[in-house]
Amino acid sequence: GDGGDGGRGSNGKDGGSAGTMTIKLSKQDDLYLLMAIQCLSPRSKSDPRVEGGQGGAPGAHGKPGQGGPGGRGGHGYHYTTSYQDSNGNRRSRSHYNPGGRSGYSGRAGRIPNARLERGKTGNPGGVEIMVEKS
Protein backbone atom coordinates (compact mmCIF):
# COMPACT_ATOMS: atom_id res chain seq x y z
CA GLY A 1 0.00 0.00 0.00
CA ASP A 2 0.88 3.66 -0.17
CA GLY A 3 2.91 5.28 2.61
CA GLY A 4 1.33 7.70 5.06
CA ASP A 5 1.66 11.45 4.56
CA GLY A 6 4.11 13.40 6.73
CA GLY A 7 2.63 15.36 9.62
CA ARG A 8 2.38 19.16 9.42
CA GLY A 9 4.85 21.09 11.57
CA SER A 10 3.73 23.98 13.74
CA ASN A 11 4.44 27.68 13.59
CA GLY A 12 6.59 29.28 16.28
CA LYS A 13 4.76 30.74 19.25
CA ASP A 14 4.69 34.47 19.93
CA GLY A 15 7.15 35.95 22.40
CA GLY A 16 5.96 37.24 25.75
CA SER A 17 5.10 40.88 26.34
CA ALA A 18 7.59 42.99 28.26
CA GLY A 19 6.78 44.53 31.61
CA THR A 20 7.28 48.04 32.87
CA MET A 21 10.62 49.19 34.22
CA THR A 22 10.19 51.48 37.19
CA ILE A 23 12.92 53.88 38.33
CA LYS A 24 12.33 54.94 41.96
CA LEU A 25 14.09 58.07 43.14
CA SER A 26 13.77 60.26 46.17
CA LYS A 27 13.41 64.03 45.92
CA GLN A 28 17.00 64.41 47.12
CA ASP A 29 18.31 62.55 44.02
CA ASP A 30 17.98 65.62 41.78
CA LEU A 31 20.94 64.72 39.62
CA TYR A 32 19.74 61.15 38.99
CA LEU A 33 16.23 62.40 38.28
CA LEU A 34 17.53 64.76 35.61
CA MET A 35 19.63 61.98 34.07
CA ALA A 36 16.64 59.62 33.97
CA ILE A 37 14.42 62.27 32.37
CA GLN A 38 17.12 63.07 29.82
CA CYS A 39 17.42 59.34 28.89
CA LEU A 40 13.70 59.14 28.26
CA SER A 41 13.61 62.29 26.15
CA PRO A 42 12.66 61.69 22.46
CA ARG A 43 15.88 63.52 21.45
CA SER A 44 18.03 61.18 23.54
CA LYS A 45 20.53 58.87 21.87
CA SER A 46 19.86 56.09 24.41
CA ASP A 47 17.00 53.67 23.83
CA PRO A 48 14.84 53.29 26.94
CA ARG A 49 12.52 50.66 25.46
CA VAL A 50 11.85 47.45 27.29
CA GLU A 51 11.50 44.94 24.46
CA GLY A 52 9.17 41.97 24.34
CA GLY A 53 10.48 38.43 23.96
CA GLN A 54 11.46 37.09 20.55
CA GLY A 55 9.01 34.81 18.79
CA GLY A 56 9.81 31.11 18.67
CA ALA A 57 11.31 29.33 15.67
CA PRO A 58 8.94 27.27 13.53
CA GLY A 59 8.91 23.49 13.77
CA ALA A 60 9.56 21.11 10.88
CA HIS A 61 7.22 18.97 8.84
CA GLY A 62 7.28 15.22 9.48
CA LYS A 63 8.72 12.77 6.97
CA PRO A 64 6.28 10.75 4.91
CA GLY A 65 6.17 6.97 5.04
CA GLN A 66 7.57 4.77 2.31
CA GLY A 67 5.25 2.81 0.09
CA GLY A 68 4.87 -0.89 0.89
CA PRO A 69 6.27 -3.61 -1.32
CA GLY A 70 4.09 -5.13 -4.01
CA GLY A 71 2.48 -8.50 -3.35
CA ARG A 72 4.20 -11.65 -4.53
CA GLY A 73 3.04 -13.23 -7.74
CA GLY A 74 1.20 -16.55 -7.69
CA HIS A 75 3.04 -19.87 -7.93
CA GLY A 76 3.47 -21.64 -11.23
CA TYR A 77 2.04 -25.09 -11.71
CA HIS A 78 2.09 -28.11 -14.08
CA TYR A 79 -0.82 -30.20 -15.24
CA THR A 80 -1.38 -32.94 -17.78
CA THR A 81 -4.28 -33.50 -20.16
CA SER A 82 -5.11 -36.77 -21.88
CA TYR A 83 -6.69 -37.15 -25.32
CA GLN A 84 -7.11 -39.64 -28.14
CA ASP A 85 -5.33 -38.94 -31.42
CA SER A 86 -6.77 -39.60 -34.90
CA ASN A 87 -5.34 -43.16 -34.87
CA GLY A 88 -7.16 -43.99 -31.63
CA ASN A 89 -4.02 -43.88 -29.51
CA ARG A 90 -4.24 -42.42 -26.04
CA ARG A 91 -1.87 -39.48 -25.65
CA SER A 92 -1.05 -37.01 -22.85
CA ARG A 93 0.20 -33.49 -23.04
CA SER A 94 2.03 -31.56 -20.26
CA HIS A 95 1.20 -27.94 -19.60
CA TYR A 96 2.89 -25.30 -17.46
CA ASN A 97 1.48 -22.03 -16.10
CA PRO A 98 4.34 -19.85 -14.82
CA GLY A 99 2.16 -17.98 -12.26
CA GLY A 100 1.47 -14.27 -11.80
CA ARG A 101 3.83 -11.32 -11.66
CA SER A 102 4.55 -9.57 -8.39
CA GLY A 103 2.54 -6.40 -7.77
CA TYR A 104 3.86 -2.87 -7.90
CA SER A 105 5.15 -1.20 -4.75
CA GLY A 106 3.03 1.51 -3.15
CA ARG A 107 3.83 5.19 -3.54
CA ALA A 108 5.62 7.16 -0.85
CA GLY A 109 3.47 9.49 1.24
CA ARG A 110 3.33 13.22 0.54
CA ILE A 111 5.46 15.89 2.19
CA PRO A 112 3.45 18.82 3.60
CA ASN A 113 4.23 22.02 1.73
CA ALA A 114 2.65 24.61 4.05
CA ARG A 115 4.98 27.47 4.94
CA LEU A 116 5.80 27.58 8.65
CA GLU A 117 6.18 30.98 10.28
CA ARG A 118 8.31 32.28 13.13
CA GLY A 119 6.34 33.61 16.12
CA LYS A 120 5.85 37.36 16.51
CA THR A 121 7.91 39.43 18.90
CA GLY A 122 6.06 40.25 22.12
CA ASN A 123 4.70 43.72 22.84
CA PRO A 124 7.18 46.25 24.23
CA GLY A 125 6.95 47.41 27.81
CA GLY A 126 7.44 50.84 29.25
CA VAL A 127 9.57 52.93 31.55
CA GLU A 128 8.26 55.06 34.41
CA ILE A 129 9.94 57.27 36.92
CA MET A 130 8.56 57.43 40.46
CA VAL A 131 9.71 60.22 42.75
CA GLU A 132 9.06 59.37 46.38
CA LYS A 133 8.08 62.16 48.72
CA SER A 134 10.37 62.61 51.66
C-alpha atoms as a PDB file:
ATOM      1  CA  GLY A   1       0.000   0.000   0.000  1.00  0.00           C
ATOM      2  CA  ASP A   2       0.883   3.657  -0.171  1.00  0.00           C
ATOM      3  CA  GLY A   3       2.910   5.277   2.611  1.00  0.00           C
ATOM      4  CA  GLY A   4       1.332   7.703   5.065  1.00  0.00           C
ATOM      5  CA  ASP A   5       1.656  11.446   4.562  1.00  0.00           C
ATOM      6  CA  GLY A   6       4.110  13.398   6.729  1.00  0.00           C
ATOM      7  CA  GLY A   7       2.626  15.362   9.618  1.00  0.00           C
ATOM      8  CA  ARG A   8       2.380  19.157   9.417  1.00  0.00           C
ATOM      9  CA  GLY A   9       4.854  21.085  11.568  1.00  0.00           C
ATOM     10  CA  SER A  10       3.735  23.975  13.737  1.00  0.00           C
ATOM     11  CA  ASN A  11       4.439  27.682  13.589  1.00  0.00           C
ATOM     12  CA  GLY A  12       6.594  29.280  16.278  1.00  0.00           C
ATOM     13  CA  LYS A  13       4.758  30.740  19.253  1.00  0.00           C
ATOM     14  CA  ASP A  14       4.694  34.468  19.930  1.00  0.00           C
ATOM     15  CA  GLY A  15       7.152  35.954  22.403  1.00  0.00           C
ATOM     16  CA  GLY A  16       5.964  37.243  25.752  1.00  0.00           C
ATOM     17  CA  SER A  17       5.097  40.876  26.342  1.00  0.00           C
ATOM     18  CA  ALA A  18       7.587  42.985  28.265  1.00  0.00           C
ATOM     19  CA  GLY A  19       6.780  44.529  31.606  1.00  0.00           C
ATOM     20  CA  THR A  20       7.276  48.045  32.871  1.00  0.00           C
ATOM     21  CA  MET A  21      10.622  49.187  34.219  1.00  0.00           C
ATOM     22  CA  THR A  22      10.189  51.481  37.191  1.00  0.00           C
ATOM     23  CA  ILE A  23      12.919  53.880  38.329  1.00  0.00           C
ATOM     24  CA  LYS A  24      12.328  54.944  41.956  1.00  0.00           C
ATOM     25  CA  LEU A  25      14.091  58.073  43.138  1.00  0.00           C
ATOM     26  CA  SER A  26      13.771  60.259  46.173  1.00  0.00           C
ATOM     27  CA  LYS A  27      13.415  64.028  45.925  1.00  0.00           C
ATOM     28  CA  GLN A  28      17.001  64.414  47.122  1.00  0.00           C
ATOM     29  CA  ASP A  29      18.306  62.548  44.016  1.00  0.00           C
ATOM     30  CA  ASP A  30      17.976  65.624  41.779  1.00  0.00           C
ATOM     31  CA  LEU A  31      20.937  64.719  39.616  1.00  0.00           C
ATOM     32  CA  TYR A  32      19.736  61.146  38.991  1.00  0.00           C
ATOM     33  CA  LEU A  33      16.234  62.396  38.280  1.00  0.00           C
ATOM     34  CA  LEU A  34      17.534  64.757  35.613  1.00  0.00           C
ATOM     35  CA  MET A  35      19.627  61.976  34.071  1.00  0.00           C
ATOM     36  CA  ALA A  36      16.636  59.618  33.970  1.00  0.00           C
ATOM     37  CA  ILE A  37      14.422  62.273  32.367  1.00  0.00           C
ATOM     38  CA  GLN A  38      17.117  63.073  29.818  1.00  0.00           C
ATOM     39  CA  CYS A  39      17.418  59.342  28.892  1.00  0.00           C
ATOM     40  CA  LEU A  40      13.695  59.144  28.262  1.00  0.00           C
ATOM     41  CA  SER A  41      13.610  62.290  26.150  1.00  0.00           C
ATOM     42  CA  PRO A  42      12.661  61.693  22.464  1.00  0.00           C
ATOM     43  CA  ARG A  43      15.877  63.517  21.449  1.00  0.00           C
ATOM     44  CA  SER A  44      18.032  61.183  23.545  1.00  0.00           C
ATOM     45  CA  LYS A  45      20.533  58.873  21.870  1.00  0.00           C
ATOM     46  CA  SER A  46      19.860  56.088  24.406  1.00  0.00           C
ATOM     47  CA  ASP A  47      17.002  53.667  23.830  1.00  0.00           C
ATOM     48  CA  PRO A  48      14.839  53.289  26.935  1.00  0.00           C
ATOM     49  CA  ARG A  49      12.516  50.657  25.457  1.00  0.00           C
ATOM     50  CA  VAL A  50      11.849  47.447  27.293  1.00  0.00           C
ATOM     51  CA  GLU A  51      11.499  44.940  24.464  1.00  0.00           C
ATOM     52  CA  GLY A  52       9.167  41.974  24.340  1.00  0.00           C
ATOM     53  CA  GLY A  53      10.479  38.429  23.958  1.00  0.00           C
ATOM     54  CA  GLN A  54      11.455  37.093  20.546  1.00  0.00           C
ATOM     55  CA  GLY A  55       9.011  34.814  18.794  1.00  0.00           C
ATOM     56  CA  GLY A  56       9.806  31.107  18.669  1.00  0.00           C
ATOM     57  CA  ALA A  57      11.308  29.335  15.673  1.00  0.00           C
ATOM     58  CA  PRO A  58       8.941  27.274  13.530  1.00  0.00           C
ATOM     59  CA  GLY A  59       8.907  23.494  13.772  1.00  0.00           C
ATOM     60  CA  ALA A  60       9.562  21.114  10.879  1.00  0.00           C
ATOM     61  CA  HIS A  61       7.219  18.973   8.843  1.00  0.00           C
ATOM     62  CA  GLY A  62       7.281  15.217   9.476  1.00  0.00           C
ATOM     63  CA  LYS A  63       8.720  12.774   6.966  1.00  0.00           C
ATOM     64  CA  PRO A  64       6.282  10.748   4.910  1.00  0.00           C
ATOM     65  CA  GLY A  65       6.173   6.968   5.039  1.00  0.00           C
ATOM     66  CA  GLN A  66       7.574   4.774   2.306  1.00  0.00           C
ATOM     67  CA  GLY A  67       5.254   2.806   0.094  1.00  0.00           C
ATOM     68  CA  GLY A  68       4.870  -0.887   0.893  1.00  0.00           C
ATOM     69  CA  PRO A  69       6.274  -3.606  -1.317  1.00  0.00           C
ATOM     70  CA  GLY A  70       4.092  -5.128  -4.006  1.00  0.00           C
ATOM     71  CA  GLY A  71       2.477  -8.501  -3.353  1.00  0.00           C
ATOM     72  CA  ARG A  72       4.198 -11.649  -4.530  1.00  0.00           C
ATOM     73  CA  GLY A  73       3.041 -13.229  -7.741  1.00  0.00           C
ATOM     74  CA  GLY A  74       1.203 -16.545  -7.693  1.00  0.00           C
ATOM     75  CA  HIS A  75       3.044 -19.870  -7.931  1.00  0.00           C
ATOM     76  CA  GLY A  76       3.475 -21.635 -11.229  1.00  0.00           C
ATOM     77  CA  TYR A  77       2.041 -25.093 -11.710  1.00  0.00           C
ATOM     78  CA  HIS A  78       2.090 -28.111 -14.085  1.00  0.00           C
ATOM     79  CA  TYR A  79      -0.816 -30.196 -15.245  1.00  0.00           C
ATOM     80  CA  THR A  80      -1.379 -32.938 -17.777  1.00  0.00           C
ATOM     81  CA  THR A  81      -4.281 -33.503 -20.156  1.00  0.00           C
ATOM     82  CA  SER A  82      -5.111 -36.771 -21.880  1.00  0.00           C
ATOM     83  CA  TYR A  83      -6.692 -37.149 -25.319  1.00  0.00           C
ATOM     84  CA  GLN A  84      -7.111 -39.641 -28.136  1.00  0.00           C
ATOM     85  CA  ASP A  85      -5.325 -38.936 -31.422  1.00  0.00           C
ATOM     86  CA  SER A  86      -6.772 -39.597 -34.905  1.00  0.00           C
ATOM     87  CA  ASN A  87      -5.344 -43.158 -34.874  1.00  0.00           C
ATOM     88  CA  GLY A  88      -7.162 -43.987 -31.628  1.00  0.00           C
ATOM     89  CA  ASN A  89      -4.019 -43.879 -29.506  1.00  0.00           C
ATOM     90  CA  ARG A  90      -4.238 -42.417 -26.037  1.00  0.00           C
ATOM     91  CA  ARG A  91      -1.870 -39.483 -25.646  1.00  0.00           C
ATOM     92  CA  SER A  92      -1.051 -37.009 -22.853  1.00  0.00           C
ATOM     93  CA  ARG A  93       0.197 -33.489 -23.039  1.00  0.00           C
ATOM     94  CA  SER A  94       2.029 -31.558 -20.257  1.00  0.00           C
ATOM     95  CA  HIS A  95       1.196 -27.935 -19.604  1.00  0.00           C
ATOM     96  CA  TYR A  96       2.889 -25.299 -17.463  1.00  0.00           C
ATOM     97  CA  ASN A  97       1.482 -22.033 -16.099  1.00  0.00           C
ATOM     98  CA  PRO A  98       4.339 -19.851 -14.818  1.00  0.00           C
ATOM     99  CA  GLY A  99       2.164 -17.983 -12.256  1.00  0.00           C
ATOM    100  CA  GLY A 100       1.467 -14.274 -11.795  1.00  0.00           C
ATOM    101  CA  ARG A 101       3.832 -11.319 -11.656  1.00  0.00           C
ATOM    102  CA  SER A 102       4.548  -9.573  -8.391  1.00  0.00           C
ATOM    103  CA  GLY A 103       2.538  -6.403  -7.770  1.00  0.00           C
ATOM    104  CA  TYR A 104       3.861  -2.875  -7.895  1.00  0.00           C
ATOM    105  CA  SER A 105       5.147  -1.201  -4.748  1.00  0.00           C
ATOM    106  CA  GLY A 106       3.026   1.511  -3.150  1.00  0.00           C
ATOM    107  CA  ARG A 107       3.831   5.192  -3.541  1.00  0.00           C
ATOM    108  CA  ALA A 108       5.624   7.161  -0.848  1.00  0.00           C
ATOM    109  CA  GLY A 109       3.466   9.488   1.236  1.00  0.00           C
ATOM    110  CA  ARG A 110       3.331  13.223   0.542  1.00  0.00           C
ATOM    111  CA  ILE A 111       5.461  15.893   2.194  1.00  0.00           C
ATOM    112  CA  PRO A 112       3.451  18.818   3.601  1.00  0.00           C
ATOM    113  CA  ASN A 113       4.229  22.024   1.732  1.00  0.00           C
ATOM    114  CA  ALA A 114       2.654  24.609   4.048  1.00  0.00           C
ATOM    115  CA  ARG A 115       4.978  27.474   4.937  1.00  0.00           C
ATOM    116  CA  LEU A 116       5.803  27.581   8.650  1.00  0.00           C
ATOM    117  CA  GLU A 117       6.181  30.984  10.284  1.00  0.00           C
ATOM    118  CA  ARG A 118       8.309  32.275  13.133  1.00  0.00           C
ATOM    119  CA  GLY A 119       6.337  33.610  16.121  1.00  0.00           C
ATOM    120  CA  LYS A 120       5.850  37.363  16.505  1.00  0.00           C
ATOM    121  CA  THR A 121       7.914  39.432  18.904  1.00  0.00           C
ATOM    122  CA  GLY A 122       6.063  40.249  22.117  1.00  0.00           C
ATOM    123  CA  ASN A 123       4.704  43.724  22.840  1.00  0.00           C
ATOM    124  CA  PRO A 124       7.179  46.247  24.231  1.00  0.00           C
ATOM    125  CA  GLY A 125       6.951  47.406  27.807  1.00  0.00           C
ATOM    126  CA  GLY A 126       7.436  50.842  29.252  1.00  0.00           C
ATOM    127  CA  VAL A 127       9.568  52.931  31.553  1.00  0.00           C
ATOM    128  CA  GLU A 128       8.258  55.056  34.412  1.00  0.00           C
ATOM    129  CA  ILE A 129       9.939  57.267  36.925  1.00  0.00           C
ATOM    130  CA  MET A 130       8.558  57.431  40.465  1.00  0.00           C
ATOM    131  CA  VAL A 131       9.707  60.219  42.751  1.00  0.00           C
ATOM    132  CA  GLU A 132       9.064  59.372  46.382  1.00  0.00           C
ATOM    133  CA  LYS A 133       8.079  62.165  48.723  1.00  0.00           C
ATOM    134  CA  SER A 134      10.369  62.608  51.662  1.00  0.00           C
END
